[in-house]
């Protein structure tokens, strides 16, 4: 009798933990042009104007920033959406506080969500990222066209309290000038290695050139030792640092067709040692780090371009150990379905991904070490499709504290 009671108590202790783990998942997503959130097992619609995209979670996970056409909006989980600014091109949450920075008409601004106070930081800004400490920015000044040709892209650092004071803007580095092997008009946002010693970014040429090739670059936190480490499409989600080591993973390969010449590659710092993991006959796309040495990636049979959509291959997910190169198929979608954009949710040991037939999309999930795939959210909008390249960050974002 005592043994049975003990087993019942153990079950009651474990079962709520499982429920709570599932309910800690938060996803912001776009459905029929409107912003929705999945929170605590419940879906709620937050916007109604039917032009929402690009949801981003705040660092504390209680506010979603999103674009409404060219306007920047914020939507608290409890409350009504609020207009922050018109004519916004880029925005990013502080990594440590409820502060949102954005670019409007070339001016970098940061916005305090609690006080609704806006402070202009610097002018002539084309791209930016917060430093990990949340006290300053790394900013890009785009190249200028002169009678002698394009000038170089310049990077600067600036305190969030600069208040348009040019004396508080410090030179960080200047990218190489246009030459036969390198040309940049601007950059992507910036990503720091786990120890903060290395910064990665994409050097982006003019739009027509960028459609086929951009340069993935690395530089030290002091703005030194600039290196080009690969050629890739302008997809910021296709390069990511390991969560624990100074290892940069990215999808290498030129060409606008996503179904060919896209290779999953690692670079080890500081020796720049390279490893390529994509087997012959395949192309790799979106990926996520799940553990120190494990990746889950969206992979497709390599194929030349076809105007017939039915002849273009659909992807599935693969799991790989980057230390041993052991690879195994992770998902087995039915014919006519493809699996995209895996995201690992560390707090609950779940992998989430998009499954779509190119007309409808669902978000699926699987808890680690199980084979049970479940639909978490149905009826997500599809982002634009450019030669089979889908930018899924336009339609969903998983909160990963």
Protein backbone atom coordinates (compact mmCIF):
# COMPACT_ATOMS: atom_id res chain seq x y z
CA UNK A 1 0.00 0.00 0.00
CA UNK A 2 2.80 2.38 0.92
CA UNK A 3 4.54 1.54 -2.35
CA UNK A 4 1.39 2.38 -4.36
CA UNK A 5 0.98 5.71 -2.58
CA UNK A 6 4.62 6.54 -3.25
CA UNK A 7 4.21 5.75 -6.94
CA UNK A 8 1.07 7.91 -7.14
CA UNK A 9 2.85 10.81 -5.48
CA UNK A 10 5.76 10.42 -7.88
CA UNK A 11 3.38 10.48 -10.85
CA UNK A 12 1.62 13.59 -9.54
CA UNK A 13 4.97 15.28 -9.09
CA UNK A 14 6.18 14.44 -12.59
CA UNK A 15 3.00 15.00 -14.57
CA UNK A 16 2.61 18.72 -13.74
CA UNK A 17 6.26 19.21 -14.62
CA UNK A 18 5.60 17.81 -18.08
CA UNK A 19 2.57 20.03 -18.55
CA UNK A 20 4.41 23.09 -17.32
CA UNK A 21 7.34 22.39 -19.63
CA UNK A 22 5.01 22.23 -22.63
CA UNK A 23 3.24 25.40 -21.58
CA UNK A 24 6.41 27.50 -21.28
CA UNK A 25 6.65 27.61 -25.07
CA UNK A 26 5.87 31.04 -26.56
CA UNK A 27 5.57 31.57 -30.30
CA UNK A 28 4.60 34.74 -32.15
CA UNK A 29 3.30 34.08 -35.65
CA UNK A 30 1.45 35.58 -38.58
CA UNK A 31 -1.93 34.19 -39.66
CA UNK A 32 -3.99 35.84 -42.41
CA UNK A 33 -1.76 38.89 -42.16
CA UNK A 34 -2.33 39.39 -38.44
CA UNK A 35 -0.06 38.89 -35.43
CA UNK A 36 -0.92 36.01 -33.12
CA UNK A 37 0.80 34.47 -30.11
CA UNK A 38 0.83 30.94 -28.78
CA UNK A 39 1.36 31.29 -25.03
CA UNK A 40 0.74 28.88 -22.19
CA UNK A 41 -1.02 26.49 -24.55
CA UNK A 42 -3.44 29.16 -25.84
CA UNK A 43 -3.58 31.13 -29.10
CA UNK A 44 -4.50 34.82 -29.07
CA UNK A 45 -4.81 37.35 -31.87
CA UNK A 46 -2.95 40.60 -31.15
CA UNK A 47 -3.34 42.64 -34.35
CA UNK A 48 -6.12 43.11 -36.89
CA UNK A 49 -4.76 45.33 -39.69
CA UNK A 50 -3.75 42.33 -41.87
CA UNK A 51 -0.28 43.62 -42.81
CA UNK A 52 1.88 42.23 -39.98
CA UNK A 53 5.27 40.54 -40.45
CA UNK A 54 8.69 40.01 -38.86
CA UNK A 55 7.70 39.31 -35.22
CA UNK A 56 10.50 39.62 -32.64
CA UNK A 57 10.31 38.80 -28.92
CA UNK A 58 11.62 41.16 -26.26
CA UNK A 59 14.36 39.78 -24.00
CA UNK A 60 11.82 39.16 -21.20
CA UNK A 61 9.28 37.52 -23.50
CA UNK A 62 6.30 39.74 -22.68
CA UNK A 63 6.24 42.03 -25.75
CA UNK A 64 6.41 41.35 -29.49
CA UNK A 65 7.77 43.91 -31.93
CA UNK A 66 6.57 43.56 -35.51
CA UNK A 67 6.27 45.42 -38.79
CA UNK A 68 2.93 46.73 -40.05
CA UNK A 69 3.82 47.63 -43.65
CA UNK A 70 6.74 50.05 -43.06
CA UNK A 71 5.69 50.99 -39.51
CA UNK A 72 7.18 49.55 -36.31
CA UNK A 73 4.63 48.27 -33.79
CA UNK A 74 4.84 46.64 -30.37
CA UNK A 75 2.22 44.32 -28.93
CA UNK A 76 2.27 43.50 -25.20
CA UNK A 77 0.86 40.09 -24.36
CA UNK A 78 -1.53 42.00 -22.11
CA UNK A 79 -2.73 45.15 -23.80
CA UNK A 80 -3.23 46.70 -27.22
CA UNK A 81 -0.69 47.15 -30.04
CA UNK A 82 1.14 50.47 -30.02
CA UNK A 83 2.68 52.37 -32.92
CA UNK A 84 6.35 53.16 -32.28
CA UNK A 85 7.45 54.80 -35.54
CA UNK A 86 6.73 55.11 -39.26
CA UNK A 87 9.28 54.47 -42.04
CA UNK A 88 11.35 51.89 -40.14
CA UNK A 89 13.84 49.68 -41.97
CA UNK A 90 15.51 47.63 -39.20
CA UNK A 91 14.69 46.98 -35.55
CA UNK A 92 16.15 44.89 -32.74
CA UNK A 93 15.45 44.37 -29.05
CA UNK A 94 18.10 45.03 -26.42
CA UNK A 95 19.58 41.71 -25.25
CA UNK A 96 19.19 42.72 -21.59
CA UNK A 97 16.31 45.21 -21.23
CA UNK A 98 12.88 46.18 -22.53
CA UNK A 99 14.40 48.64 -24.99
CA UNK A 100 13.93 48.59 -28.74
CA UNK A 101 16.32 50.15 -31.24
CA UNK A 102 15.45 50.90 -34.84
CA UNK A 103 16.45 52.87 -37.93
CA UNK A 104 14.06 55.44 -39.38
CA UNK A 105 15.18 57.57 -42.34
CA UNK A 106 18.82 56.79 -41.59
CA UNK A 107 18.59 57.78 -37.92
CA UNK A 108 19.28 55.20 -35.20
CA UNK A 109 16.81 55.57 -32.34
CA UNK A 110 16.32 53.65 -29.15
CA UNK A 111 12.94 53.42 -27.46
CA UNK A 112 12.22 52.72 -23.79
CA UNK A 113 9.07 50.62 -23.71
CA UNK A 114 8.21 51.45 -20.09
CA UNK A 115 8.53 55.24 -20.37
CA UNK A 116 7.73 55.48 -24.12
CA UNK A 117 10.74 57.79 -24.40
CA UNK A 118 12.62 57.93 -27.72
CA UNK A 119 16.26 58.97 -27.94
CA UNK A 120 18.03 59.59 -31.24
CA UNK A 121 21.49 58.05 -31.22
CA UNK A 122 23.26 58.65 -34.56
CA UNK A 123 22.60 59.67 -38.17
CA UNK A 124 23.74 58.08 -41.43
CA UNK A 125 23.13 54.56 -40.12
CA UNK A 126 22.29 51.76 -42.57
CA UNK A 127 22.45 48.75 -40.23
CA UNK A 128 23.21 48.06 -36.56
CA UNK A 129 23.27 45.58 -33.70
CA UNK A 130 23.31 45.94 -29.93
CA UNK A 131 26.49 44.90 -28.17
CA UNK A 132 25.81 41.93 -25.85
CA UNK A 133 25.97 44.20 -22.79
CA UNK A 134 23.12 46.34 -24.13
CA UNK A 135 24.91 49.66 -23.56
CA UNK A 136 26.03 50.55 -27.09
CA UNK A 137 25.72 49.69 -30.77
CA UNK A 138 27.89 48.51 -33.63
CA UNK A 139 26.65 50.49 -36.64
CA UNK A 140 27.19 50.44 -40.40
CA UNK A 141 27.67 53.47 -42.62
CA UNK A 142 26.94 52.39 -46.19
CA UNK A 143 29.39 52.91 -49.04
CA UNK A 144 29.07 56.12 -51.04
CA UNK A 145 29.38 56.37 -54.81
CA UNK A 146 31.97 58.91 -55.96
CA UNK A 147 33.20 59.79 -59.48
CA UNK A 148 36.10 57.41 -58.84
CA UNK A 149 33.84 54.52 -57.83
CA UNK A 150 32.39 53.13 -54.63
CA UNK A 151 33.95 54.08 -51.33
CA UNK A 152 34.35 51.60 -48.46
CA UNK A 153 31.80 50.59 -45.84
CA UNK A 154 32.69 51.95 -42.41
CA UNK A 155 31.75 50.51 -39.03
CA UNK A 156 31.46 52.53 -35.82
CA UNK A 157 30.55 52.04 -32.19
CA UNK A 158 28.26 54.43 -30.36
CA UNK A 159 26.72 54.62 -26.89
CA UNK A 160 22.95 54.43 -26.73
CA UNK A 161 23.14 57.74 -24.85
CA UNK A 162 25.07 59.53 -27.62
CA UNK A 163 22.16 61.84 -28.41
CA UNK A 164 23.46 62.63 -31.93
CA UNK A 165 26.77 63.86 -30.47
CA UNK A 166 29.31 62.96 -33.18
CA UNK A 167 32.10 63.11 -30.58
CA UNK A 168 30.61 59.99 -28.99
CA UNK A 169 30.83 57.99 -32.23
CA UNK A 170 34.04 55.96 -32.43
CA UNK A 171 35.57 54.38 -35.55
CA UNK A 172 35.60 50.58 -35.33
CA UNK A 173 36.94 49.45 -38.71
CA UNK A 174 36.78 50.15 -42.44
CA UNK A 175 35.99 47.28 -44.79
CA UNK A 176 38.16 46.79 -47.87
CA UNK A 177 37.49 49.12 -50.78
CA UNK A 178 35.98 47.72 -53.98
CA UNK A 179 38.36 45.34 -55.76
CA UNK A 180 38.21 42.27 -58.01
CA UNK A 181 37.39 39.91 -55.12
CA UNK A 182 35.44 42.09 -52.66
CA UNK A 183 32.70 44.68 -52.85
CA UNK A 184 30.32 45.78 -50.10
CA UNK A 185 27.66 48.45 -50.12
CA UNK A 186 26.42 47.67 -46.60
CA UNK A 187 26.28 44.83 -44.06
CA UNK A 188 23.84 42.56 -42.32
CA UNK A 189 23.30 42.79 -38.59
CA UNK A 190 26.14 41.47 -36.40
CA UNK A 191 26.50 38.32 -34.28
CA UNK A 192 28.97 37.74 -31.44
CA UNK A 193 30.74 34.48 -30.58
CA UNK A 194 29.95 32.98 -27.13
CA UNK A 195 33.09 34.47 -25.56
CA UNK A 196 32.49 37.84 -27.23
CA UNK A 197 35.87 37.79 -28.99
CA UNK A 198 34.62 37.43 -32.57
CA UNK A 199 31.95 39.22 -34.59
CA UNK A 200 30.39 37.77 -37.76
CA UNK A 201 28.34 39.55 -40.42
CA UNK A 202 27.51 39.50 -44.13
CA UNK A 203 29.10 42.10 -46.41
CA UNK A 204 26.37 42.93 -48.92
CA UNK A 205 26.96 44.43 -52.40
CA UNK A 206 24.32 46.20 -54.47
CA UNK A 207 20.94 44.46 -54.81
CA UNK A 208 21.46 42.79 -58.20
CA UNK A 209 24.80 41.32 -57.11
CA UNK A 210 23.53 40.40 -53.64
CA UNK A 211 20.89 38.08 -55.12
CA UNK A 212 23.69 35.68 -56.10
CA UNK A 213 26.61 36.23 -53.73
CA UNK A 214 27.60 38.01 -50.54
CA UNK A 215 30.66 37.67 -48.33
CA UNK A 216 30.47 36.19 -44.84
CA UNK A 217 33.04 38.01 -42.72
CA UNK A 218 34.60 37.74 -39.27
CA UNK A 219 36.41 40.38 -37.25
CA UNK A 220 37.68 40.58 -33.67
CA UNK A 221 35.91 42.58 -30.98
CA UNK A 222 38.66 45.20 -31.35
CA UNK A 223 37.89 45.63 -35.06
CA UNK A 224 41.03 43.75 -36.13
CA UNK A 225 41.92 40.63 -38.14
CA UNK A 226 39.18 41.04 -40.77
CA UNK A 227 38.61 37.81 -42.73
CA UNK A 228 36.22 36.68 -45.46
CA UNK A 229 35.26 33.12 -44.56
CA UNK A 230 32.65 32.23 -47.16
CA UNK A 231 30.25 33.16 -49.95
CA UNK A 232 26.55 32.96 -49.19
CA UNK A 233 23.10 34.36 -49.85
CA UNK A 234 21.94 37.36 -47.86
CA UNK A 235 20.09 35.27 -45.28
CA UNK A 236 21.10 36.29 -41.74
CA UNK A 237 19.49 33.15 -40.32
CA UNK A 238 22.00 31.07 -42.29
CA UNK A 239 24.97 31.88 -40.08
CA UNK A 240 25.00 31.12 -36.34
CA UNK A 241 27.61 30.73 -33.64
CA UNK A 242 27.67 27.64 -31.48
CA UNK A 243 26.09 28.21 -28.08
CA UNK A 244 29.25 27.10 -26.26
CA UNK A 245 32.32 27.15 -28.52
CA UNK A 246 33.93 29.65 -30.85
CA UNK A 247 32.59 27.83 -33.91
CA UNK A 248 30.62 29.54 -36.67
CA UNK A 249 28.16 27.49 -38.73
CA UNK A 250 26.85 28.78 -42.05
CA UNK A 251 25.41 27.82 -45.42
CA UNK A 252 28.15 28.40 -47.97
CA UNK A 253 27.55 28.75 -51.68
CA UNK A 254 26.84 31.26 -54.42
CA UNK A 255 23.82 31.35 -56.72
CA UNK A 256 20.24 32.50 -56.18
CA UNK A 257 18.77 29.02 -56.65
CA UNK A 258 18.34 27.55 -53.17
CA UNK A 259 18.23 23.99 -54.48
CA UNK A 260 21.85 23.87 -55.59
CA UNK A 261 25.34 24.64 -54.27
CA UNK A 262 24.35 25.27 -50.63
CA UNK A 263 26.77 23.55 -48.25
CA UNK A 264 26.63 23.43 -44.45
CA UNK A 265 30.05 24.57 -43.25
CA UNK A 266 31.83 25.17 -39.92
CA UNK A 267 34.70 27.52 -39.15
CA UNK A 268 36.67 27.04 -35.94
CA UNK A 269 38.17 30.12 -34.32
CA UNK A 270 40.89 31.27 -34.03
CA UNK A 271 42.53 28.92 -36.56
CA UNK A 272 39.76 29.31 -39.20
CA UNK A 273 39.73 25.53 -39.69
CA UNK A 274 36.92 24.59 -42.09
CA UNK A 275 34.62 21.54 -42.17
CA UNK A 276 31.93 20.84 -44.80
CA UNK A 277 29.13 18.41 -43.87
CA UNK A 278 26.66 18.45 -46.77
CA UNK A 279 26.84 15.15 -48.66
CA UNK A 280 27.13 15.11 -52.43
CA UNK A 281 23.79 15.42 -54.19
CA UNK A 282 22.13 17.56 -51.49
CA UNK A 283 21.70 21.21 -50.54
CA UNK A 284 21.29 22.50 -46.97
CA UNK A 285 19.17 25.40 -45.73
CA UNK A 286 17.96 26.59 -42.31
CA UNK A 287 19.50 24.98 -39.23
CA UNK A 288 19.57 25.16 -35.44
CA UNK A 289 22.14 24.24 -32.80
CA UNK A 290 20.56 21.82 -30.31
CA UNK A 291 23.58 20.90 -28.19
CA UNK A 292 27.28 21.66 -28.12
CA UNK A 293 28.01 19.38 -31.07
CA UNK A 294 24.59 18.73 -32.60
CA UNK A 295 22.77 20.42 -35.47
CA UNK A 296 19.32 19.89 -36.95
CA UNK A 297 19.14 21.12 -40.53
CA UNK A 298 16.68 21.38 -43.40
CA UNK A 299 18.09 19.39 -46.35
CA UNK A 300 16.86 18.94 -49.90
CA UNK A 301 17.99 16.77 -52.83
CA UNK A 302 20.11 19.01 -55.04
CA UNK A 303 18.40 19.97 -58.29
CA UNK A 304 18.63 22.52 -61.05
CA UNK A 305 15.90 25.09 -61.40
CA UNK A 306 12.51 24.15 -62.84
CA UNK A 307 9.61 26.50 -63.52
CA UNK A 308 7.32 23.60 -62.68
CA UNK A 309 6.82 23.76 -58.91
CA UNK A 310 5.98 20.05 -58.75
CA UNK A 311 9.44 19.19 -60.07
CA UNK A 312 11.23 21.21 -57.39
CA UNK A 313 12.24 19.04 -54.41
CA UNK A 314 10.93 19.54 -50.88
CA UNK A 315 13.19 19.33 -47.82
CA UNK A 316 13.29 17.11 -44.75
CA UNK A 317 15.20 17.50 -41.49
CA UNK A 318 18.50 15.83 -40.67
CA UNK A 319 20.32 15.55 -37.35
CA UNK A 320 24.11 15.62 -37.35
CA UNK A 321 26.95 15.41 -34.86
CA UNK A 322 29.59 17.89 -36.01
CA UNK A 323 32.36 16.12 -34.06
CA UNK A 324 31.83 12.65 -35.52
CA UNK A 325 29.93 13.62 -38.72
CA UNK A 326 27.29 11.05 -37.81
CA UNK A 327 24.11 12.06 -39.67
CA UNK A 328 20.60 10.63 -39.60
CA UNK A 329 17.25 11.65 -41.02
CA UNK A 330 15.14 13.38 -38.36
CA UNK A 331 11.77 13.80 -40.10
CA UNK A 332 9.93 11.88 -42.80
CA UNK A 333 7.28 14.17 -44.31
CA UNK A 334 4.74 12.64 -46.65
CA UNK A 335 4.98 13.22 -50.38
CA UNK A 336 4.09 16.79 -51.26
CA UNK A 337 5.20 18.16 -47.87
CA UNK A 338 8.49 19.74 -46.82
CA UNK A 339 10.12 20.53 -43.47
CA UNK A 340 11.78 23.92 -42.95
CA UNK A 341 13.22 26.32 -40.37
CA UNK A 342 14.03 24.11 -37.35
CA UNK A 343 14.26 25.87 -33.98
CA UNK A 344 15.50 24.22 -30.80
CA UNK A 345 13.76 25.29 -27.58
CA UNK A 346 16.31 24.59 -24.86
CA UNK A 347 14.04 25.07 -21.85
CA UNK A 348 11.74 22.23 -22.92
CA UNK A 349 14.11 20.13 -25.06
CA UNK A 350 11.81 20.54 -28.05
CA UNK A 351 12.61 20.98 -31.70
CA UNK A 352 10.04 22.96 -33.67
CA UNK A 353 9.84 23.37 -37.43
CA UNK A 354 7.59 24.39 -40.31
CA UNK A 355 5.86 21.75 -42.42
CA UNK A 356 4.23 22.99 -45.61
CA UNK A 357 2.96 22.00 -49.04
CA UNK A 358 3.87 25.50 -50.30
CA UNK A 359 0.24 26.57 -49.86
CA UNK A 360 -0.46 25.99 -46.16
CA UNK A 361 1.98 25.86 -43.24
CA UNK A 362 1.91 24.35 -39.75
CA UNK A 363 4.41 24.52 -36.89
CA UNK A 364 5.30 21.05 -35.62
CA UNK A 365 7.17 20.04 -32.49
CA UNK A 366 9.00 17.03 -31.10
CA UNK A 367 10.38 16.55 -27.61
CA UNK A 368 13.98 15.32 -27.52
CA UNK A 369 14.53 11.54 -27.61
CA UNK A 370 10.97 10.84 -28.78
CA UNK A 371 9.48 10.12 -32.20
CA UNK A 372 6.17 11.88 -31.57
CA UNK A 373 5.65 14.79 -33.98
CA UNK A 374 2.74 17.05 -33.06
CA UNK A 375 1.16 20.07 -34.69
CA UNK A 376 1.63 22.98 -32.29
CA UNK A 377 0.17 25.75 -34.49
CA UNK A 378 -1.77 25.41 -37.73
CA UNK A 379 -2.48 27.88 -40.50
CA UNK A 380 0.62 30.08 -40.51
CA UNK A 381 1.10 32.42 -43.44
CA UNK A 382 3.81 31.64 -45.96
CA UNK A 383 6.59 34.17 -46.56
CA UNK A 384 7.65 35.15 -50.05
CA UNK A 385 9.36 32.48 -52.13
CA UNK A 386 12.43 33.55 -54.10
CA UNK A 387 13.78 30.59 -56.09
CA UNK A 388 12.74 28.25 -53.23
CA UNK A 389 14.26 30.50 -50.56
CA UNK A 390 11.70 31.17 -47.83
CA UNK A 391 12.48 33.69 -45.10
CA UNK A 392 10.53 32.08 -42.29
CA UNK A 393 11.48 34.74 -39.74
CA UNK A 394 8.92 36.90 -41.54
CA UNK A 395 6.08 34.75 -40.19
CA UNK A 396 7.11 33.21 -36.86
CA UNK A 397 9.45 33.63 -33.90
CA UNK A 398 10.02 31.28 -30.95
CA UNK A 399 10.86 32.88 -27.62
CA UNK A 400 14.12 31.32 -26.42
CA UNK A 401 15.15 32.82 -23.05
